[in-house]
Amino acid sequence: MIVVAVVGVMAAIAYPSYLEFVREARRTDAMSTLLTAQLEQEKFRANNITYASTAASLGVSTTSPDSFYSIAVASSAANSFIVTATPAGNQIGDGCGTFAVDQGGANHTAGYADADCWNR
């Protein structure tokens, strides 16, 4: 009975750490999709006078390849854009929240994932 209790305590400690590790690993799903979207935005602007206003205009899916994030063009103009990756499904509990890129690269402004999240 003591062995069962010890295993239960170990599982209670290890499982949350495992979930955090999995969430961190899934962030690459958002990052790679956003960097692709950023590249597509630059291609779009090279052929147009403005950035694209929808993911469809870029040929980018509205979900990341592994479906852990929803992808959207949050704003676009002639000189700027923001593309976001919002956690979906099992990734919703991730503490980093929504990732974003703009014409300058990773966007760390209020409301979006900070530099630490991009570097983990």
PDB file of N, CA and C in Angstrom:
ATOM      1  N   MET A   1       0.815  -1.193   0.000  1.00  0.00           N
ATOM      2  CA  MET A   1       0.000   0.000   0.000  1.00  0.00           C
ATOM      3  C   MET A   1       0.864   1.265   0.000  1.00  0.00           C
ATOM      4  N   ILE A   2       1.983   1.188   0.716  1.00  0.00           N
ATOM      5  CA  ILE A   2       2.887   2.333   0.763  1.00  0.00           C
ATOM      6  C   ILE A   2       3.464   2.606  -0.627  1.00  0.00           C
ATOM      7  N   VAL A   3       3.759   1.536  -1.367  1.00  0.00           N
ATOM      8  CA  VAL A   3       4.305   1.691  -2.719  1.00  0.00           C
ATOM      9  C   VAL A   3       3.302   2.427  -3.606  1.00  0.00           C
ATOM     10  N   VAL A   4       2.038   2.081  -3.486  1.00  0.00           N
ATOM     11  CA  VAL A   4       0.991   2.738  -4.277  1.00  0.00           C
ATOM     12  C   VAL A   4       0.914   4.220  -3.912  1.00  0.00           C
ATOM     13  N   ALA A   5       1.018   4.530  -2.646  1.00  0.00           N
ATOM     14  CA  ALA A   5       0.976   5.927  -2.208  1.00  0.00           C
ATOM     15  C   ALA A   5       2.182   6.701  -2.734  1.00  0.00           C
ATOM     16  N   VAL A   6       3.361   6.098  -2.670  1.00  0.00           N
ATOM     17  CA  VAL A   6       4.568   6.757  -3.163  1.00  0.00           C
ATOM     18  C   VAL A   6       4.466   6.997  -4.670  1.00  0.00           C
ATOM     19  N   VAL A   7       4.004   5.995  -5.404  1.00  0.00           N
ATOM     20  CA  VAL A   7       3.837   6.143  -6.852  1.00  0.00           C
ATOM     21  C   VAL A   7       2.809   7.230  -7.150  1.00  0.00           C
ATOM     22  N   GLY A   8       1.745   7.283  -6.379  1.00  0.00           N
ATOM     23  CA  GLY A   8       0.725   8.319  -6.562  1.00  0.00           C
ATOM     24  C   GLY A   8       1.275   9.715  -6.338  1.00  0.00           C
ATOM     25  N   VAL A   9       2.070   9.886  -5.305  1.00  0.00           N
ATOM     26  CA  VAL A   9       2.678  11.190  -5.018  1.00  0.00           C
ATOM     27  C   VAL A   9       3.658  11.565  -6.126  1.00  0.00           C
ATOM     28  N   MET A  10       4.463  10.617  -6.569  1.00  0.00           N
ATOM     29  CA  MET A  10       5.413  10.897  -7.647  1.00  0.00           C
ATOM     30  C   MET A  10       4.690  11.291  -8.932  1.00  0.00           C
ATOM     31  N   ALA A  11       3.603  10.598  -9.230  1.00  0.00           N
ATOM     32  CA  ALA A  11       2.828  10.923 -10.432  1.00  0.00           C
ATOM     33  C   ALA A  11       2.205  12.307 -10.317  1.00  0.00           C
ATOM     34  N   ALA A  12       1.726  12.655  -9.134  1.00  0.00           N
ATOM     35  CA  ALA A  12       1.113  13.971  -8.931  1.00  0.00           C
ATOM     36  C   ALA A  12       2.129  15.094  -9.121  1.00  0.00           C
ATOM     37  N   ILE A  13       3.376  14.820  -8.825  1.00  0.00           N
ATOM     38  CA  ILE A  13       4.428  15.823  -9.000  1.00  0.00           C
ATOM     39  C   ILE A  13       4.927  15.834 -10.446  1.00  0.00           C
ATOM     40  N   ALA A  14       5.109  14.676 -11.032  1.00  0.00           N
ATOM     41  CA  ALA A  14       5.699  14.574 -12.368  1.00  0.00           C
ATOM     42  C   ALA A  14       4.740  14.981 -13.481  1.00  0.00           C
ATOM     43  N   TYR A  15       3.462  14.691 -13.343  1.00  0.00           N
ATOM     44  CA  TYR A  15       2.506  14.941 -14.428  1.00  0.00           C
ATOM     45  C   TYR A  15       2.413  16.416 -14.819  1.00  0.00           C
ATOM     46  N   PRO A  16       2.294  17.355 -13.883  1.00  0.00           N
ATOM     47  CA  PRO A  16       2.264  18.769 -14.290  1.00  0.00           C
ATOM     48  C   PRO A  16       3.552  19.206 -15.002  1.00  0.00           C
ATOM     49  N   SER A  17       4.682  18.693 -14.563  1.00  0.00           N
ATOM     50  CA  SER A  17       5.947  19.018 -15.233  1.00  0.00           C
ATOM     51  C   SER A  17       5.961  18.471 -16.651  1.00  0.00           C
ATOM     52  N   TYR A  18       5.441  17.278 -16.807  1.00  0.00           N
ATOM     53  CA  TYR A  18       5.350  16.672 -18.136  1.00  0.00           C
ATOM     54  C   TYR A  18       4.447  17.503 -19.039  1.00  0.00           C
ATOM     55  N   LEU A  19       3.292  17.936 -18.524  1.00  0.00           N
ATOM     56  CA  LEU A  19       2.377  18.758 -19.326  1.00  0.00           C
ATOM     57  C   LEU A  19       3.040  20.060 -19.760  1.00  0.00           C
ATOM     58  N   GLU A  20       3.792  20.686 -18.876  1.00  0.00           N
ATOM     59  CA  GLU A  20       4.484  21.929 -19.230  1.00  0.00           C
ATOM     60  C   GLU A  20       5.537  21.670 -20.303  1.00  0.00           C
ATOM     61  N   PHE A  21       6.248  20.570 -20.189  1.00  0.00           N
ATOM     62  CA  PHE A  21       7.235  20.211 -21.213  1.00  0.00           C
ATOM     63  C   PHE A  21       6.563  20.028 -22.572  1.00  0.00           C
ATOM     64  N   VAL A  22       5.426  19.349 -22.589  1.00  0.00           N
ATOM     65  CA  VAL A  22       4.690  19.127 -23.838  1.00  0.00           C
ATOM     66  C   VAL A  22       4.216  20.456 -24.419  1.00  0.00           C
ATOM     67  N   ARG A  23       3.688  21.335 -23.579  1.00  0.00           N
ATOM     68  CA  ARG A  23       3.236  22.646 -24.066  1.00  0.00           C
ATOM     69  C   ARG A  23       4.394  23.443 -24.657  1.00  0.00           C
ATOM     70  N   GLU A  24       5.539  23.412 -24.007  1.00  0.00           N
ATOM     71  CA  GLU A  24       6.713  24.119 -24.529  1.00  0.00           C
ATOM     72  C   GLU A  24       7.110  23.561 -25.893  1.00  0.00           C
ATOM     73  N   ALA A  25       7.085  22.247 -26.031  1.00  0.00           N
ATOM     74  CA  ALA A  25       7.451  21.626 -27.304  1.00  0.00           C
ATOM     75  C   ALA A  25       6.469  22.010 -28.407  1.00  0.00           C
ATOM     76  N   ARG A  26       5.204  22.152 -28.058  1.00  0.00           N
ATOM     77  CA  ARG A  26       4.183  22.496 -29.057  1.00  0.00           C
ATOM     78  C   ARG A  26       4.286  23.941 -29.532  1.00  0.00           C
ATOM     79  N   ARG A  27       4.988  24.778 -28.798  1.00  0.00           N
ATOM     80  CA  ARG A  27       5.124  26.184 -29.205  1.00  0.00           C
ATOM     81  C   ARG A  27       5.824  26.313 -30.548  1.00  0.00           C
ATOM     82  N   THR A  28       6.660  25.355 -30.890  1.00  0.00           N
ATOM     83  CA  THR A  28       7.330  25.408 -32.193  1.00  0.00           C
ATOM     84  C   THR A  28       6.315  25.348 -33.323  1.00  0.00           C
ATOM     85  N   ASP A  29       5.158  24.752 -33.076  1.00  0.00           N
ATOM     86  CA  ASP A  29       4.077  24.714 -34.061  1.00  0.00           C
ATOM     87  C   ASP A  29       3.633  26.136 -34.396  1.00  0.00           C
ATOM     88  N   ALA A  30       3.500  26.974 -33.382  1.00  0.00           N
ATOM     89  CA  ALA A  30       3.113  28.376 -33.594  1.00  0.00           C
ATOM     90  C   ALA A  30       4.244  29.152 -34.244  1.00  0.00           C
ATOM     91  N   MET A  31       5.442  28.995 -33.718  1.00  0.00           N
ATOM     92  CA  MET A  31       6.572  29.785 -34.206  1.00  0.00           C
ATOM     93  C   MET A  31       6.863  29.523 -35.677  1.00  0.00           C
ATOM     94  N   SER A  32       6.901  28.256 -36.066  1.00  0.00           N
ATOM     95  CA  SER A  32       7.216  27.952 -37.463  1.00  0.00           C
ATOM     96  C   SER A  32       6.124  28.452 -38.395  1.00  0.00           C
ATOM     97  N   THR A  33       4.868  28.336 -37.972  1.00  0.00           N
ATOM     98  CA  THR A  33       3.763  28.822 -38.799  1.00  0.00           C
ATOM     99  C   THR A  33       3.815  30.338 -38.932  1.00  0.00           C
ATOM    100  N   LEU A  34       4.105  31.028 -37.841  1.00  0.00           N
ATOM    101  CA  LEU A  34       4.179  32.491 -37.892  1.00  0.00           C
ATOM    102  C   LEU A  34       5.337  32.971 -38.761  1.00  0.00           C
ATOM    103  N   LEU A  35       6.463  32.307 -38.688  1.00  0.00           N
ATOM    104  CA  LEU A  35       7.593  32.716 -39.518  1.00  0.00           C
ATOM    105  C   LEU A  35       7.300  32.474 -40.995  1.00  0.00           C
ATOM    106  N   THR A  36       6.571  31.405 -41.296  1.00  0.00           N
ATOM    107  CA  THR A  36       6.127  31.174 -42.672  1.00  0.00           C
ATOM    108  C   THR A  36       5.172  32.274 -43.105  1.00  0.00           C
ATOM    109  N   ALA A  37       4.232  32.637 -42.234  1.00  0.00           N
ATOM    110  CA  ALA A  37       3.274  33.704 -42.553  1.00  0.00           C
ATOM    111  C   ALA A  37       3.991  35.033 -42.761  1.00  0.00           C
ATOM    112  N   GLN A  38       5.007  35.300 -41.957  1.00  0.00           N
ATOM    113  CA  GLN A  38       5.771  36.540 -42.115  1.00  0.00           C
ATOM    114  C   GLN A  38       6.450  36.571 -43.487  1.00  0.00           C
ATOM    115  N   LEU A  39       7.043  35.473 -43.880  1.00  0.00           N
ATOM    116  CA  LEU A  39       7.683  35.389 -45.191  1.00  0.00           C
ATOM    117  C   LEU A  39       6.657  35.586 -46.307  1.00  0.00           C
ATOM    118  N   GLU A  40       5.491  34.955 -46.159  1.00  0.00           N
ATOM    119  CA  GLU A  40       4.436  35.099 -47.166  1.00  0.00           C
ATOM    120  C   GLU A  40       3.918  36.534 -47.229  1.00  0.00           C
ATOM    121  N   GLN A  41       3.864  37.210 -46.080  1.00  0.00           N
ATOM    122  CA  GLN A  41       3.453  38.620 -46.080  1.00  0.00           C
ATOM    123  C   GLN A  41       4.437  39.460 -46.899  1.00  0.00           C
ATOM    124  N   GLU A  42       5.711  39.208 -46.728  1.00  0.00           N
ATOM    125  CA  GLU A  42       6.711  39.974 -47.476  1.00  0.00           C
ATOM    126  C   GLU A  42       6.622  39.682 -48.969  1.00  0.00           C
ATOM    127  N   LYS A  43       6.374  38.428 -49.325  1.00  0.00           N
ATOM    128  CA  LYS A  43       6.181  38.086 -50.737  1.00  0.00           C
ATOM    129  C   LYS A  43       4.950  38.803 -51.288  1.00  0.00           C
ATOM    130  N   PHE A  44       3.867  38.797 -50.501  1.00  0.00           N
ATOM    131  CA  PHE A  44       2.624  39.445 -50.925  1.00  0.00           C
ATOM    132  C   PHE A  44       2.860  40.933 -51.161  1.00  0.00           C
ATOM    133  N   ARG A  45       3.549  41.572 -50.228  1.00  0.00           N
ATOM    134  CA  ARG A  45       3.782  43.016 -50.345  1.00  0.00           C
ATOM    135  C   ARG A  45       4.698  43.349 -51.520  1.00  0.00           C
ATOM    136  N   ALA A  46       5.598  42.459 -51.857  1.00  0.00           N
ATOM    137  CA  ALA A  46       6.480  42.693 -53.002  1.00  0.00           C
ATOM    138  C   ALA A  46       5.690  42.779 -54.308  1.00  0.00           C
ATOM    139  N   ASN A  47       4.529  42.116 -54.340  1.00  0.00           N
ATOM    140  CA  ASN A  47       3.689  42.107 -55.541  1.00  0.00           C
ATOM    141  C   ASN A  47       2.476  43.015 -55.440  1.00  0.00           C
ATOM    142  N   ASN A  48       2.267  43.618 -54.301  1.00  0.00           N
ATOM    143  CA  ASN A  48       1.105  44.480 -54.063  1.00  0.00           C
ATOM    144  C   ASN A  48       1.585  45.743 -53.345  1.00  0.00           C
ATOM    145  N   ILE A  49       0.696  46.659 -53.106  1.00  0.00           N
ATOM    146  CA  ILE A  49       1.108  47.888 -52.415  1.00  0.00           C
ATOM    147  C   ILE A  49       0.820  47.845 -50.920  1.00  0.00           C
ATOM    148  N   THR A  50       0.386  46.702 -50.449  1.00  0.00           N
ATOM    149  CA  THR A  50       0.020  46.567 -49.042  1.00  0.00           C
ATOM    150  C   THR A  50       0.267  45.132 -48.588  1.00  0.00           C
ATOM    151  N   TYR A  51       0.173  44.910 -47.301  1.00  0.00           N
ATOM    152  CA  TYR A  51       0.242  43.551 -46.766  1.00  0.00           C
ATOM    153  C   TYR A  51      -1.134  42.899 -46.865  1.00  0.00           C
ATOM    154  N   ALA A  52      -1.174  41.568 -46.861  1.00  0.00           N
ATOM    155  CA  ALA A  52      -2.432  40.822 -46.941  1.00  0.00           C
ATOM    156  C   ALA A  52      -3.229  40.979 -45.655  1.00  0.00           C
ATOM    157  N   SER A  53      -4.544  40.962 -45.791  1.00  0.00           N
ATOM    158  CA  SER A  53      -5.408  41.140 -44.623  1.00  0.00           C
ATOM    159  C   SER A  53      -6.002  39.835 -44.109  1.00  0.00           C
ATOM    160  N   THR A  54      -5.776  38.726 -44.810  1.00  0.00           N
ATOM    161  CA  THR A  54      -6.280  37.428 -44.353  1.00  0.00           C
ATOM    162  C   THR A  54      -5.215  36.357 -44.550  1.00  0.00           C
ATOM    163  N   ALA A  55      -5.319  35.305 -43.763  1.00  0.00           N
ATOM    164  CA  ALA A  55      -4.401  34.179 -43.917  1.00  0.00           C
ATOM    165  C   ALA A  55      -4.607  33.516 -45.273  1.00  0.00           C
ATOM    166  N   ALA A  56      -5.852  33.461 -45.729  1.00  0.00           N
ATOM    167  CA  ALA A  56      -6.149  32.849 -47.024  1.00  0.00           C
ATOM    168  C   ALA A  56      -5.428  33.568 -48.163  1.00  0.00           C
ATOM    169  N   SER A  57      -5.334  34.886 -48.081  1.00  0.00           N
ATOM    170  CA  SER A  57      -4.623  35.659 -49.111  1.00  0.00           C
ATOM    171  C   SER A  57      -3.149  35.286 -49.175  1.00  0.00           C
ATOM    172  N   LEU A  58      -2.635  34.791 -48.072  1.00  0.00           N
ATOM    173  CA  LEU A  58      -1.227  34.398 -48.001  1.00  0.00           C
ATOM    174  C   LEU A  58      -1.012  32.942 -48.382  1.00  0.00           C
ATOM    175  N   GLY A  59      -2.104  32.194 -48.488  1.00  0.00           N
ATOM    176  CA  GLY A  59      -1.983  30.764 -48.706  1.00  0.00           C
ATOM    177  C   GLY A  59      -1.592  30.024 -47.445  1.00  0.00           C
ATOM    178  N   VAL A  60      -1.876  30.637 -46.298  1.00  0.00           N
ATOM    179  CA  VAL A  60      -1.554  30.056 -44.996  1.00  0.00           C
ATOM    180  C   VAL A  60      -2.850  29.560 -44.362  1.00  0.00           C
ATOM    181  N   SER A  61      -2.812  28.370 -43.793  1.00  0.00           N
ATOM    182  CA  SER A  61      -3.989  27.810 -43.127  1.00  0.00           C
ATOM    183  C   SER A  61      -4.336  28.616 -41.875  1.00  0.00           C
ATOM    184  N   THR A  62      -5.592  28.564 -41.473  1.00  0.00           N
ATOM    185  CA  THR A  62      -6.015  29.253 -40.249  1.00  0.00           C
ATOM    186  C   THR A  62      -5.738  28.419 -39.004  1.00  0.00           C
ATOM    187  N   THR A  63      -5.176  27.240 -39.192  1.00  0.00           N
ATOM    188  CA  THR A  63      -4.705  26.440 -38.056  1.00  0.00           C
ATOM    189  C   THR A  63      -3.259  26.038 -38.331  1.00  0.00           C
ATOM    190  N   SER A  64      -2.486  25.918 -37.273  1.00  0.00           N
ATOM    191  CA  SER A  64      -1.099  25.488 -37.425  1.00  0.00           C
ATOM    192  C   SER A  64      -1.084  24.024 -37.885  1.00  0.00           C
ATOM    193  N   PRO A  65       0.031  23.540 -38.421  1.00  0.00           N
ATOM    194  CA  PRO A  65       0.074  22.173 -38.956  1.00  0.00           C
ATOM    195  C   PRO A  65      -0.400  21.092 -37.985  1.00  0.00           C
ATOM    196  N   ASP A  66      -0.084  21.232 -36.713  1.00  0.00           N
ATOM    197  CA  ASP A  66      -0.504  20.238 -35.728  1.00  0.00           C
ATOM    198  C   ASP A  66      -1.784  20.632 -35.002  1.00  0.00           C
ATOM    199  N   SER A  67      -2.417  21.715 -35.444  1.00  0.00           N
ATOM    200  CA  SER A  67      -3.701  22.205 -34.913  1.00  0.00           C
ATOM    201  C   SER A  67      -3.653  22.635 -33.449  1.00  0.00           C
ATOM    202  N   PHE A  68      -2.477  23.017 -32.961  1.00  0.00           N
ATOM    203  CA  PHE A  68      -2.371  23.503 -31.588  1.00  0.00           C
ATOM    204  C   PHE A  68      -2.596  25.007 -31.489  1.00  0.00           C
ATOM    205  N   TYR A  69      -2.633  25.696 -32.641  1.00  0.00           N
ATOM    206  CA  TYR A  69      -2.820  27.152 -32.667  1.00  0.00           C
ATOM    207  C   TYR A  69      -3.742  27.552 -33.807  1.00  0.00           C
ATOM    208  N   SER A  70      -4.523  28.618 -33.576  1.00  0.00           N
ATOM    209  CA  SER A  70      -5.335  29.248 -34.618  1.00  0.00           C
ATOM    210  C   SER A  70      -4.541  30.429 -35.159  1.00  0.00           C
ATOM    211  N   ILE A  71      -4.451  30.523 -36.467  1.00  0.00           N
ATOM    212  CA  ILE A  71      -3.649  31.556 -37.121  1.00  0.00           C
ATOM    213  C   ILE A  71      -4.574  32.613 -37.714  1.00  0.00           C
ATOM    214  N   ALA A  72      -4.232  33.886 -37.510  1.00  0.00           N
ATOM    215  CA  ALA A  72      -5.046  34.980 -38.056  1.00  0.00           C
ATOM    216  C   ALA A  72      -4.182  36.197 -38.336  1.00  0.00           C
ATOM    217  N   VAL A  73      -4.594  36.960 -39.341  1.00  0.00           N
ATOM    218  CA  VAL A  73      -3.977  38.266 -39.583  1.00  0.00           C
ATOM    219  C   VAL A  73      -4.759  39.242 -38.717  1.00  0.00           C
ATOM    220  N   ALA A  74      -4.142  39.695 -37.633  1.00  0.00           N
ATOM    221  CA  ALA A  74      -4.835  40.565 -36.671  1.00  0.00           C
ATOM    222  C   ALA A  74      -4.982  41.978 -37.207  1.00  0.00           C
ATOM    223  N   SER A  75      -3.990  42.432 -37.963  1.00  0.00           N
ATOM    224  CA  SER A  75      -4.087  43.755 -38.579  1.00  0.00           C
ATOM    225  C   SER A  75      -3.125  43.822 -39.751  1.00  0.00           C
ATOM    226  N   SER A  76      -3.475  44.658 -40.714  1.00  0.00           N
ATOM    227  CA  SER A  76      -2.577  44.871 -41.845  1.00  0.00           C
ATOM    228  C   SER A  76      -2.823  46.250 -42.433  1.00  0.00           C
ATOM    229  N   ALA A  77      -1.776  46.808 -42.999  1.00  0.00           N
ATOM    230  CA  ALA A  77      -1.839  48.121 -43.641  1.00  0.00           C
ATOM    231  C   ALA A  77      -0.764  48.142 -44.719  1.00  0.00           C
ATOM    232  N   ALA A  78      -0.537  49.285 -45.298  1.00  0.00           N
ATOM    233  CA  ALA A  78       0.483  49.388 -46.336  1.00  0.00           C
ATOM    234  C   ALA A  78       1.878  49.118 -45.787  1.00  0.00           C
ATOM    235  N   ASN A  79       2.138  49.556 -44.548  1.00  0.00           N
ATOM    236  CA  ASN A  79       3.484  49.455 -43.981  1.00  0.00           C
ATOM    237  C   ASN A  79       3.631  48.456 -42.850  1.00  0.00           C
ATOM    238  N   SER A  80       2.560  47.848 -42.402  1.00  0.00           N
ATOM    239  CA  SER A  80       2.664  46.993 -41.220  1.00  0.00           C
ATOM    240  C   SER A  80       1.617  45.886 -41.227  1.00  0.00           C
ATOM    241  N   PHE A  81       1.890  44.871 -40.421  1.00  0.00           N
ATOM    242  CA  PHE A  81       0.932  43.781 -40.222  1.00  0.00           C
ATOM    243  C   PHE A  81       1.231  43.114 -38.889  1.00  0.00           C
ATOM    244  N   ILE A  82       0.260  42.395 -38.383  1.00  0.00           N
ATOM    245  CA  ILE A  82       0.447  41.513 -37.232  1.00  0.00           C
ATOM    246  C   ILE A  82      -0.281  40.219 -37.559  1.00  0.00           C
ATOM    247  N   VAL A  83       0.434  39.108 -37.475  1.00  0.00           N
ATOM    248  CA  VAL A  83      -0.163  37.783 -37.620  1.00  0.00           C
ATOM    249  C   VAL A  83      -0.040  37.107 -36.264  1.00  0.00           C
ATOM    250  N   THR A  84      -1.136  36.507 -35.797  1.00  0.00           N
ATOM    251  CA  THR A  84      -1.154  35.902 -34.467  1.00  0.00           C
ATOM    252  C   THR A  84      -1.367  34.395 -34.530  1.00  0.00           C
ATOM    253  N   ALA A  85      -0.882  33.724 -33.509  1.00  0.00           N
ATOM    254  CA  ALA A  85      -1.119  32.297 -33.297  1.00  0.00           C
ATOM    255  C   ALA A  85      -1.680  32.159 -31.889  1.00  0.00           C
ATOM    256  N   THR A  86      -2.971  31.856 -31.806  1.00  0.00           N
ATOM    257  CA  THR A  86      -3.668  31.750 -30.528  1.00  0.00           C
ATOM    258  C   THR A  86      -3.803  30.281 -30.145  1.00  0.00           C
ATOM    259  N   PRO A  87      -3.455  29.914 -28.903  1.00  0.00           N
ATOM    260  CA  PRO A  87      -3.547  28.512 -28.496  1.00  0.00           C
ATOM    261  C   PRO A  87      -4.948  27.941 -28.707  1.00  0.00           C
ATOM    262  N   ALA A  88      -4.986  26.685 -29.152  1.00  0.00           N
ATOM    263  CA  ALA A  88      -6.251  25.983 -29.376  1.00  0.00           C
ATOM    264  C   ALA A  88      -6.134  24.571 -28.810  1.00  0.00           C
ATOM    265  N   GLY A  89      -7.263  23.964 -28.558  1.00  0.00           N
ATOM    266  CA  GLY A  89      -7.283  22.580 -28.087  1.00  0.00           C
ATOM    267  C   GLY A  89      -6.507  22.392 -26.801  1.00  0.00           C
ATOM    268  N   ASN A  90      -5.657  21.372 -26.773  1.00  0.00           N
ATOM    269  CA  ASN A  90      -4.876  21.052 -25.574  1.00  0.00           C
ATOM    270  C   ASN A  90      -3.833  22.104 -25.225  1.00  0.00           C
ATOM    271  N   GLN A  91      -3.583  23.029 -26.122  1.00  0.00           N
ATOM    272  CA  GLN A  91      -2.567  24.053 -25.885  1.00  0.00           C
ATOM    273  C   GLN A  91      -3.143  25.274 -25.172  1.00  0.00           C
ATOM    274  N   ILE A  92      -4.450  25.331 -24.978  1.00  0.00           N
ATOM    275  CA  ILE A  92      -5.095  26.506 -24.385  1.00  0.00           C
ATOM    276  C   ILE A  92      -4.508  26.871 -23.024  1.00  0.00           C
ATOM    277  N   GLY A  93      -4.100  25.925 -22.235  1.00  0.00           N
ATOM    278  CA  GLY A  93      -3.565  26.210 -20.908  1.00  0.00           C
ATOM    279  C   GLY A  93      -2.140  26.732 -20.886  1.00  0.00           C
ATOM    280  N   ASP A  94      -1.525  26.910 -22.038  1.00  0.00           N
ATOM    281  CA  ASP A  94      -0.133  27.366 -22.085  1.00  0.00           C
ATOM    282  C   ASP A  94      -0.012  28.784 -21.558  1.00  0.00           C
ATOM    283  N   GLY A  95       0.920  28.993 -20.650  1.00  0.00           N
ATOM    284  CA  GLY A  95       1.108  30.299 -20.027  1.00  0.00           C
ATOM    285  C   GLY A  95       1.608  31.379 -20.966  1.00  0.00           C
ATOM    286  N   CYS A  96       2.188  31.006 -22.090  1.00  0.00           N
ATOM    287  CA  CYS A  96       2.691  32.017 -23.031  1.00  0.00           C
ATOM    288  C   CYS A  96       1.564  32.666 -23.819  1.00  0.00           C
ATOM    289  N   GLY A  97       0.456  31.999 -23.956  1.00  0.00           N
ATOM    290  CA  GLY A  97      -0.681  32.587 -24.658  1.00  0.00           C
ATOM    291  C   GLY A  97      -0.432  32.771 -26.136  1.00  0.00           C
ATOM    292  N   THR A  98      -0.854  33.910 -26.661  1.00  0.00           N
ATOM    293  CA  THR A  98      -0.818  34.189 -28.094  1.00  0.00           C
ATOM    294  C   THR A  98       0.556  34.682 -28.539  1.00  0.00           C
ATOM    295  N   PHE A  99       1.073  34.050 -29.586  1.00  0.00           N
ATOM    296  CA  PHE A  99       2.316  34.481 -30.222  1.00  0.00           C
ATOM    297  C   PHE A  99       1.964  35.397 -31.383  1.00  0.00           C
ATOM    298  N   ALA A 100       2.871  36.304 -31.725  1.00  0.00           N
ATOM    299  CA  ALA A 100       2.618  37.218 -32.843  1.00  0.00           C
ATOM    300  C   ALA A 100       3.914  37.592 -33.545  1.00  0.00           C
ATOM    301  N   VAL A 101       3.791  37.835 -34.855  1.00  0.00           N
ATOM    302  CA  VAL A 101       4.891  38.405 -35.630  1.00  0.00           C
ATOM    303  C   VAL A 101       4.368  39.630 -36.361  1.00  0.00           C
ATOM    304  N   ASP A 102       5.279  40.538 -36.640  1.00  0.00           N
ATOM    305  CA  ASP A 102       4.934  41.699 -37.457  1.00  0.00           C
ATOM    306  C   ASP A 102       6.035  41.885 -38.493  1.00  0.00           C
ATOM    307  N   GLN A 103       6.023  43.006 -39.178  1.00  0.00           N
ATOM    308  CA  GLN A 103       6.999  43.243 -40.243  1.00  0.00           C
ATOM    309  C   GLN A 103       8.437  43.269 -39.737  1.00  0.00           C
ATOM    310  N   GLY A 104       8.637  43.404 -38.449  1.00  0.00           N
ATOM    311  CA  GLY A 104       9.977  43.430 -37.870  1.00  0.00           C
ATOM    312  C   GLY A 104      10.410  42.119 -37.254  1.00  0.00           C
ATOM    313  N   GLY A 105       9.537  41.130 -37.224  1.00  0.00           N
ATOM    314  CA  GLY A 105       9.860  39.840 -36.615  1.00  0.00           C
ATOM    315  C   GLY A 105       8.909  39.524 -35.478  1.00  0.00           C
ATOM    316  N   ALA A 106       9.424  38.841 -34.461  1.00  0.00           N
ATOM    317  CA  ALA A 106       8.595  38.473 -33.310  1.00  0.00           C
ATOM    318  C   ALA A 106       8.088  39.730 -32.619  1.00  0.00           C
ATOM    319  N   ASN A 107       6.810  39.738 -32.294  1.00  0.00           N
ATOM    320  CA  ASN A 107       6.180  40.888 -31.646  1.00  0.00           C
ATOM    321  C   ASN A 107       6.005  40.554 -30.170  1.00  0.00           C
ATOM    322  N   HIS A 108       6.645  41.322 -29.283  1.00  0.00           N
ATOM    323  CA  HIS A 108       6.598  41.061 -27.841  1.00  0.00           C
ATOM    324  C   HIS A 108       5.783  42.107 -27.093  1.00  0.00           C
ATOM    325  N   THR A 109       4.949  42.864 -27.787  1.00  0.00           N
ATOM    326  CA  THR A 109       4.188  43.909 -27.112  1.00  0.00           C
ATOM    327  C   THR A 109       3.155  43.299 -26.179  1.00  0.00           C
ATOM    328  N   ALA A 110       2.567  44.134 -25.356  1.00  0.00           N
ATOM    329  CA  ALA A 110       1.585  43.681 -24.365  1.00  0.00           C
ATOM    330  C   ALA A 110       0.499  42.842 -25.029  1.00  0.00           C
ATOM    331  N   GLY A 111       0.182  41.740 -24.396  1.00  0.00           N
ATOM    332  CA  GLY A 111      -0.860  40.865 -24.905  1.00  0.00           C
ATOM    333  C   GLY A 111      -0.334  39.702 -25.729  1.00  0.00           C
ATOM    334  N   TYR A 112       0.936  39.746 -26.099  1.00  0.00           N
ATOM    335  CA  TYR A 112       1.536  38.671 -26.883  1.00  0.00           C
ATOM    336  C   TYR A 112       2.667  38.023 -26.098  1.00  0.00           C
ATOM    337  N   ALA A 113       3.042  36.824 -26.507  1.00  0.00           N
ATOM    338  CA  ALA A 113       4.108  36.077 -25.836  1.00  0.00           C
ATOM    339  C   ALA A 113       5.402  36.888 -25.795  1.00  0.00           C
ATOM    340  N   ASP A 114       6.066  36.846 -24.652  1.00  0.00           N
ATOM    341  CA  ASP A 114       7.301  37.623 -24.497  1.00  0.00           C
ATOM    342  C   ASP A 114       8.506  36.878 -25.081  1.00  0.00           C
ATOM    343  N   ALA A 115       9.645  37.524 -25.032  1.00  0.00           N
ATOM    344  CA  ALA A 115      10.868  36.957 -25.609  1.00  0.00           C
ATOM    345  C   ALA A 115      11.240  35.632 -24.955  1.00  0.00           C
ATOM    346  N   ASP A 116      10.977  35.479 -23.663  1.00  0.00           N
ATOM    347  CA  ASP A 116      11.285  34.219 -22.987  1.00  0.00           C
ATOM    348  C   ASP A 116      10.507  33.062 -23.602  1.00  0.00           C
ATOM    349  N   CYS A 117       9.260  33.304 -23.951  1.00  0.00           N
ATOM    350  CA  CYS A 117       8.446  32.253 -24.566  1.00  0.00           C
ATOM    351  C   CYS A 117       8.997  31.872 -25.937  1.00  0.00           C
ATOM    352  N   TRP A 118       9.466  32.846 -26.685  1.00  0.00           N
ATOM    353  CA  TRP A 118      10.042  32.566 -28.002  1.00  0.00           C
ATOM    354  C   TRP A 118      11.348  31.795 -27.870  1.00  0.00           C
ATOM    355  N   ASN A 119      12.061  31.965 -26.775  1.00  0.00           N
ATOM    356  CA  ASN A 119      13.371  31.332 -26.613  1.00  0.00           C
ATOM    357  C   ASN A 119      13.331  29.989 -25.900  1.00  0.00           C
ATOM    358  N   ARG A 120      12.195  29.582 -25.382  1.00  0.00           N
ATOM    359  CA  ARG A 120      12.134  28.295 -24.674  1.00  0.00           C
ATOM    360  C   ARG A 120      11.917  27.181 -25.638  1.00  0.00           C
TER     361      ARG A 120
END
